[in-house]
């Protein structure tokens, strides 16, 4: 948040089959990876929900920007 307090968010991504066809697999992200997520927030801000539209891992520049269709 604006004060620097860590928050936990629920982030909706695509299903495993769809992501696999887009080149994302179980080894793409590891625990502890720092990522930047851009997406559409849920209707209730206090619930900390987001539908992910783009994902970037700054350490190596890996990016995902896909669709759910």
PDB file of N, CA and C in Angstrom:
ATOM      1  N   UNK A   1       0.834  -1.188   0.000  1.00  0.00           N
ATOM      2  CA  UNK A   1       0.000   0.000   0.000  1.00  0.00           C
ATOM      3  C   UNK A   1       0.877   1.250   0.000  1.00  0.00           C
ATOM      4  N   UNK A   2       0.259   2.395   0.106  1.00  0.00           N
ATOM      5  CA  UNK A   2       0.995   3.658   0.044  1.00  0.00           C
ATOM      6  C   UNK A   2       1.937   3.860   1.225  1.00  0.00           C
ATOM      7  N   UNK A   3       1.741   3.107   2.314  1.00  0.00           N
ATOM      8  CA  UNK A   3       2.612   3.203   3.488  1.00  0.00           C
ATOM      9  C   UNK A   3       3.725   2.161   3.468  1.00  0.00           C
ATOM     10  N   UNK A   4       3.733   1.303   2.463  1.00  0.00           N
ATOM     11  CA  UNK A   4       4.756   0.270   2.364  1.00  0.00           C
ATOM     12  C   UNK A   4       4.414  -1.014   3.095  1.00  0.00           C
ATOM     13  N   UNK A   5       3.179  -1.152   3.547  1.00  0.00           N
ATOM     14  CA  UNK A   5       2.747  -2.365   4.234  1.00  0.00           C
ATOM     15  C   UNK A   5       2.474  -3.462   3.210  1.00  0.00           C
ATOM     16  N   UNK A   6       3.030  -4.662   3.456  1.00  0.00           N
ATOM     17  CA  UNK A   6       2.807  -5.777   2.540  1.00  0.00           C
ATOM     18  C   UNK A   6       1.342  -6.194   2.577  1.00  0.00           C
ATOM     19  N   UNK A   7       0.816  -6.552   1.413  1.00  0.00           N
ATOM     20  CA  UNK A   7      -0.562  -7.009   1.297  1.00  0.00           C
ATOM     21  C   UNK A   7      -0.587  -8.351   0.575  1.00  0.00           C
ATOM     22  N   UNK A   8      -1.584  -9.144   0.872  1.00  0.00           N
ATOM     23  CA  UNK A   8      -1.815 -10.402   0.164  1.00  0.00           C
ATOM     24  C   UNK A   8      -2.983 -10.182  -0.787  1.00  0.00           C
ATOM     25  N   UNK A   9      -2.794 -10.569  -2.050  1.00  0.00           N
ATOM     26  CA  UNK A   9      -3.827 -10.408  -3.078  1.00  0.00           C
ATOM     27  C   UNK A   9      -4.180 -11.764  -3.668  1.00  0.00           C
ATOM     28  N   UNK A  10      -5.432 -11.930  -4.061  1.00  0.00           N
ATOM     29  CA  UNK A  10      -5.877 -13.082  -4.842  1.00  0.00           C
ATOM     30  C   UNK A  10      -5.870 -12.643  -6.293  1.00  0.00           C
ATOM     31  N   UNK A  11      -5.068 -13.337  -7.109  1.00  0.00           N
ATOM     32  CA  UNK A  11      -4.910 -12.938  -8.504  1.00  0.00           C
ATOM     33  C   UNK A  11      -5.393 -14.061  -9.403  1.00  0.00           C
ATOM     34  N   UNK A  12      -6.318 -13.716 -10.286  1.00  0.00           N
ATOM     35  CA  UNK A  12      -6.867 -14.683 -11.242  1.00  0.00           C
ATOM     36  C   UNK A  12      -5.990 -14.689 -12.487  1.00  0.00           C
ATOM     37  N   UNK A  13      -5.563 -15.889 -12.876  1.00  0.00           N
ATOM     38  CA  UNK A  13      -4.771 -16.075 -14.081  1.00  0.00           C
ATOM     39  C   UNK A  13      -5.528 -17.079 -14.932  1.00  0.00           C
ATOM     40  N   UNK A  14      -5.004 -17.483 -16.042  1.00  0.00           N
ATOM     41  CA  UNK A  14      -5.669 -18.473 -16.885  1.00  0.00           C
ATOM     42  C   UNK A  14      -5.490 -19.880 -16.333  1.00  0.00           C
ATOM     43  N   UNK A  15      -6.217 -20.835 -16.890  1.00  0.00           N
ATOM     44  CA  UNK A  15      -6.078 -22.230 -16.513  1.00  0.00           C
ATOM     45  C   UNK A  15      -4.759 -22.809 -17.013  1.00  0.00           C
ATOM     46  N   UNK A  16      -4.346 -23.922 -16.423  1.00  0.00           N
ATOM     47  CA  UNK A  16      -3.074 -24.543 -16.762  1.00  0.00           C
ATOM     48  C   UNK A  16      -2.907 -24.884 -18.230  1.00  0.00           C
ATOM     49  N   UNK A  17      -3.951 -25.435 -18.856  1.00  0.00           N
ATOM     50  CA  UNK A  17      -3.869 -25.792 -20.278  1.00  0.00           C
ATOM     51  C   UNK A  17      -3.650 -24.580 -21.158  1.00  0.00           C
ATOM     52  N   UNK A  18      -4.398 -23.538 -20.887  1.00  0.00           N
ATOM     53  CA  UNK A  18      -4.266 -22.302 -21.660  1.00  0.00           C
ATOM     54  C   UNK A  18      -2.884 -21.692 -21.473  1.00  0.00           C
ATOM     55  N   UNK A  19      -2.428 -21.615 -20.234  1.00  0.00           N
ATOM     56  CA  UNK A  19      -1.110 -21.037 -19.979  1.00  0.00           C
ATOM     57  C   UNK A  19      -0.013 -21.872 -20.624  1.00  0.00           C
ATOM     58  N   UNK A  20      -0.153 -23.193 -20.603  1.00  0.00           N
ATOM     59  CA  UNK A  20       0.824 -24.068 -21.254  1.00  0.00           C
ATOM     60  C   UNK A  20       0.939 -23.777 -22.739  1.00  0.00           C
ATOM     61  N   UNK A  21      -0.175 -23.544 -23.386  1.00  0.00           N
ATOM     62  CA  UNK A  21      -0.145 -23.204 -24.814  1.00  0.00           C
ATOM     63  C   UNK A  21       0.507 -21.848 -25.059  1.00  0.00           C
ATOM     64  N   UNK A  22       0.554 -21.024 -24.026  1.00  0.00           N
ATOM     65  CA  UNK A  22       1.188 -19.710 -24.134  1.00  0.00           C
ATOM     66  C   UNK A  22       2.638 -19.734 -23.645  1.00  0.00           C
ATOM     67  N   UNK A  23       3.159 -20.929 -23.352  1.00  0.00           N
ATOM     68  CA  UNK A  23       4.558 -21.067 -22.953  1.00  0.00           C
ATOM     69  C   UNK A  23       4.836 -20.936 -21.464  1.00  0.00           C
ATOM     70  N   UNK A  24       3.792 -20.925 -20.644  1.00  0.00           N
ATOM     71  CA  UNK A  24       3.957 -20.832 -19.197  1.00  0.00           C
ATOM     72  C   UNK A  24       3.795 -22.227 -18.612  1.00  0.00           C
ATOM     73  N   UNK A  25       4.763 -22.657 -17.795  1.00  0.00           N
ATOM     74  CA  UNK A  25       4.643 -23.965 -17.152  1.00  0.00           C
ATOM     75  C   UNK A  25       4.993 -23.857 -15.670  1.00  0.00           C
ATOM     76  N   UNK A  26       5.036 -24.984 -14.986  1.00  0.00           N
ATOM     77  CA  UNK A  26       5.241 -24.980 -13.536  1.00  0.00           C
ATOM     78  C   UNK A  26       6.597 -24.433 -13.123  1.00  0.00           C
ATOM     79  N   UNK A  27       7.551 -24.365 -14.042  1.00  0.00           N
ATOM     80  CA  UNK A  27       8.876 -23.855 -13.713  1.00  0.00           C
ATOM     81  C   UNK A  27       9.075 -22.390 -14.098  1.00  0.00           C
ATOM     82  N   UNK A  28       8.062 -21.763 -14.659  1.00  0.00           N
ATOM     83  CA  UNK A  28       8.195 -20.376 -15.113  1.00  0.00           C
ATOM     84  C   UNK A  28       8.436 -19.425 -13.942  1.00  0.00           C
ATOM     85  N   UNK A  29       7.695 -19.588 -12.875  1.00  0.00           N
ATOM     86  CA  UNK A  29       7.859 -18.755 -11.683  1.00  0.00           C
ATOM     87  C   UNK A  29       8.245 -19.630 -10.506  1.00  0.00           C
ATOM     88  N   UNK A  30       9.095 -19.101  -9.657  1.00  0.00           N
ATOM     89  CA  UNK A  30       9.552 -19.824  -8.471  1.00  0.00           C
ATOM     90  C   UNK A  30       9.139 -19.036  -7.222  1.00  0.00           C
ATOM     91  N   UNK A  31       8.962 -19.730  -6.096  1.00  0.00           N
ATOM     92  CA  UNK A  31       8.689 -19.011  -4.851  1.00  0.00           C
ATOM     93  C   UNK A  31       9.800 -17.992  -4.599  1.00  0.00           C
ATOM     94  N   UNK A  32       9.409 -16.797  -4.247  1.00  0.00           N
ATOM     95  CA  UNK A  32      10.377 -15.739  -3.977  1.00  0.00           C
ATOM     96  C   UNK A  32      10.664 -14.836  -5.157  1.00  0.00           C
ATOM     97  N   UNK A  33      10.226 -15.235  -6.374  1.00  0.00           N
ATOM     98  CA  UNK A  33      10.397 -14.352  -7.533  1.00  0.00           C
ATOM     99  C   UNK A  33       9.658 -13.046  -7.268  1.00  0.00           C
ATOM    100  N   UNK A  34      10.319 -11.956  -7.543  1.00  0.00           N
ATOM    101  CA  UNK A  34       9.656 -10.652  -7.451  1.00  0.00           C
ATOM    102  C   UNK A  34       9.064 -10.350  -8.813  1.00  0.00           C
ATOM    103  N   UNK A  35       7.791 -10.000  -8.811  1.00  0.00           N
ATOM    104  CA  UNK A  35       7.081  -9.748 -10.063  1.00  0.00           C
ATOM    105  C   UNK A  35       6.283  -8.455  -9.961  1.00  0.00           C
ATOM    106  N   UNK A  36       5.973  -7.906 -11.122  1.00  0.00           N
ATOM    107  CA  UNK A  36       5.084  -6.755 -11.225  1.00  0.00           C
ATOM    108  C   UNK A  36       3.839  -7.241 -11.950  1.00  0.00           C
ATOM    109  N   UNK A  37       2.699  -7.070 -11.326  1.00  0.00           N
ATOM    110  CA  UNK A  37       1.433  -7.535 -11.881  1.00  0.00           C
ATOM    111  C   UNK A  37       0.565  -6.326 -12.218  1.00  0.00           C
ATOM    112  N   UNK A  38      -0.007  -6.343 -13.418  1.00  0.00           N
ATOM    113  CA  UNK A  38      -0.952  -5.310 -13.835  1.00  0.00           C
ATOM    114  C   UNK A  38      -2.256  -6.015 -14.175  1.00  0.00           C
ATOM    115  N   UNK A  39      -3.359  -5.483 -13.697  1.00  0.00           N
ATOM    116  CA  UNK A  39      -4.626  -6.134 -13.977  1.00  0.00           C
ATOM    117  C   UNK A  39      -5.817  -5.271 -13.643  1.00  0.00           C
ATOM    118  N   UNK A  40      -6.955  -5.893 -13.723  1.00  0.00           N
ATOM    119  CA  UNK A  40      -8.220  -5.222 -13.437  1.00  0.00           C
ATOM    120  C   UNK A  40      -8.650  -5.577 -12.017  1.00  0.00           C
ATOM    121  N   UNK A  41      -8.858  -4.570 -11.170  1.00  0.00           N
ATOM    122  CA  UNK A  41      -9.245  -4.855  -9.789  1.00  0.00           C
ATOM    123  C   UNK A  41     -10.667  -5.378  -9.682  1.00  0.00           C
ATOM    124  N   UNK A  42     -10.908  -6.094  -8.596  1.00  0.00           N
ATOM    125  CA  UNK A  42     -12.254  -6.572  -8.314  1.00  0.00           C
ATOM    126  C   UNK A  42     -13.166  -5.421  -7.906  1.00  0.00           C
ATOM    127  N   UNK A  43     -14.421  -5.732  -7.715  1.00  0.00           N
ATOM    128  CA  UNK A  43     -15.420  -4.701  -7.391  1.00  0.00           C
ATOM    129  C   UNK A  43     -15.311  -4.180  -5.968  1.00  0.00           C
ATOM    130  N   UNK A  44     -14.795  -5.018  -5.061  1.00  0.00           N
ATOM    131  CA  UNK A  44     -14.701  -4.630  -3.652  1.00  0.00           C
ATOM    132  C   UNK A  44     -13.218  -4.470  -3.303  1.00  0.00           C
ATOM    133  N   UNK A  45     -12.714  -3.239  -3.208  1.00  0.00           N
ATOM    134  CA  UNK A  45     -11.283  -3.023  -2.987  1.00  0.00           C
ATOM    135  C   UNK A  45     -10.715  -3.736  -1.763  1.00  0.00           C
ATOM    136  N   UNK A  46     -11.485  -3.852  -0.706  1.00  0.00           N
ATOM    137  CA  UNK A  46     -11.004  -4.483   0.523  1.00  0.00           C
ATOM    138  C   UNK A  46     -10.704  -5.969   0.352  1.00  0.00           C
ATOM    139  N   UNK A  47     -11.248  -6.604  -0.688  1.00  0.00           N
ATOM    140  CA  UNK A  47     -11.023  -8.036  -0.915  1.00  0.00           C
ATOM    141  C   UNK A  47      -9.691  -8.321  -1.596  1.00  0.00           C
ATOM    142  N   UNK A  48      -9.019  -7.293  -2.108  1.00  0.00           N
ATOM    143  CA  UNK A  48      -7.719  -7.449  -2.768  1.00  0.00           C
ATOM    144  C   UNK A  48      -7.757  -8.556  -3.823  1.00  0.00           C
ATOM    145  N   UNK A  49      -8.632  -8.408  -4.792  1.00  0.00           N
ATOM    146  CA  UNK A  49      -8.738  -9.349  -5.911  1.00  0.00           C
ATOM    147  C   UNK A  49      -8.362  -8.635  -7.201  1.00  0.00           C
ATOM    148  N   UNK A  50      -7.751  -9.400  -8.118  1.00  0.00           N
ATOM    149  CA  UNK A  50      -7.273  -8.806  -9.357  1.00  0.00           C
ATOM    150  C   UNK A  50      -7.322  -9.838 -10.471  1.00  0.00           C
ATOM    151  N   UNK A  51      -7.759  -9.423 -11.632  1.00  0.00           N
ATOM    152  CA  UNK A  51      -7.667 -10.273 -12.828  1.00  0.00           C
ATOM    153  C   UNK A  51      -6.419  -9.820 -13.577  1.00  0.00           C
ATOM    154  N   UNK A  52      -5.421 -10.682 -13.623  1.00  0.00           N
ATOM    155  CA  UNK A  52      -4.131 -10.320 -14.189  1.00  0.00           C
ATOM    156  C   UNK A  52      -4.202 -10.146 -15.697  1.00  0.00           C
ATOM    157  N   UNK A  53      -3.596  -9.076 -16.167  1.00  0.00           N
ATOM    158  CA  UNK A  53      -3.517  -8.807 -17.599  1.00  0.00           C
ATOM    159  C   UNK A  53      -2.066  -8.898 -18.094  1.00  0.00           C
ATOM    160  N   UNK A  54      -1.118  -8.485 -17.254  1.00  0.00           N
ATOM    161  CA  UNK A  54       0.302  -8.522 -17.596  1.00  0.00           C
ATOM    162  C   UNK A  54       1.109  -8.899 -16.367  1.00  0.00           C
ATOM    163  N   UNK A  55       2.205  -9.607 -16.596  1.00  0.00           N
ATOM    164  CA  UNK A  55       3.099 -10.023 -15.522  1.00  0.00           C
ATOM    165  C   UNK A  55       4.523  -9.831 -16.006  1.00  0.00           C
ATOM    166  N   UNK A  56       5.365  -9.198 -15.183  1.00  0.00           N
ATOM    167  CA  UNK A  56       6.766  -8.979 -15.530  1.00  0.00           C
ATOM    168  C   UNK A  56       7.637  -9.431 -14.371  1.00  0.00           C
ATOM    169  N   UNK A  57       8.737 -10.131 -14.690  1.00  0.00           N
ATOM    170  CA  UNK A  57       9.745 -10.501 -13.697  1.00  0.00           C
ATOM    171  C   UNK A  57      10.976  -9.646 -14.002  1.00  0.00           C
ATOM    172  N   UNK A  58      11.190  -8.559 -13.246  1.00  0.00           N
ATOM    173  CA  UNK A  58      12.272  -7.631 -13.556  1.00  0.00           C
ATOM    174  C   UNK A  58      13.671  -8.248 -13.524  1.00  0.00           C
ATOM    175  N   UNK A  59      13.899  -9.287 -12.734  1.00  0.00           N
ATOM    176  CA  UNK A  59      15.240  -9.866 -12.607  1.00  0.00           C
ATOM    177  C   UNK A  59      15.835 -10.263 -13.950  1.00  0.00           C
ATOM    178  N   UNK A  60      14.995 -10.784 -14.851  1.00  0.00           N
ATOM    179  CA  UNK A  60      15.509 -11.211 -16.160  1.00  0.00           C
ATOM    180  C   UNK A  60      14.703 -10.645 -17.330  1.00  0.00           C
ATOM    181  N   UNK A  61      13.709  -9.813 -17.021  1.00  0.00           N
ATOM    182  CA  UNK A  61      12.920  -9.184 -18.076  1.00  0.00           C
ATOM    183  C   UNK A  61      11.829 -10.057 -18.665  1.00  0.00           C
ATOM    184  N   UNK A  62      11.593 -11.253 -18.098  1.00  0.00           N
ATOM    185  CA  UNK A  62      10.543 -12.129 -18.622  1.00  0.00           C
ATOM    186  C   UNK A  62       9.194 -11.438 -18.474  1.00  0.00           C
ATOM    187  N   UNK A  63       8.370 -11.554 -19.516  1.00  0.00           N
ATOM    188  CA  UNK A  63       7.046 -10.921 -19.496  1.00  0.00           C
ATOM    189  C   UNK A  63       5.987 -11.875 -20.013  1.00  0.00           C
ATOM    190  N   UNK A  64       4.796 -11.743 -19.464  1.00  0.00           N
ATOM    191  CA  UNK A  64       3.614 -12.431 -19.975  1.00  0.00           C
ATOM    192  C   UNK A  64       2.529 -11.388 -20.117  1.00  0.00           C
ATOM    193  N   UNK A  65       1.884 -11.388 -21.229  1.00  0.00           N
ATOM    194  CA  UNK A  65       0.729 -10.533 -21.459  1.00  0.00           C
ATOM    195  C   UNK A  65      -0.168 -11.311 -22.390  1.00  0.00           C
ATOM    196  N   UNK A  66      -1.140 -11.962 -21.837  1.00  0.00           N
ATOM    197  CA  UNK A  66      -1.954 -12.852 -22.650  1.00  0.00           C
ATOM    198  C   UNK A  66      -3.430 -12.606 -22.487  1.00  0.00           C
ATOM    199  N   UNK A  67      -4.170 -13.530 -23.026  1.00  0.00           N
ATOM    200  CA  UNK A  67      -5.619 -13.453 -22.941  1.00  0.00           C
ATOM    201  C   UNK A  67      -6.130 -14.690 -22.228  1.00  0.00           C
ATOM    202  N   UNK A  68      -7.372 -14.653 -21.854  1.00  0.00           N
ATOM    203  CA  UNK A  68      -8.008 -15.788 -21.191  1.00  0.00           C
ATOM    204  C   UNK A  68      -8.919 -16.540 -22.144  1.00  0.00           C
ATOM    205  N   UNK A  69      -8.895 -16.184 -23.407  1.00  0.00           N
ATOM    206  CA  UNK A  69      -9.803 -16.790 -24.389  1.00  0.00           C
ATOM    207  C   UNK A  69      -9.198 -18.027 -25.016  1.00  0.00           C
TER     208      UNK A  69
END
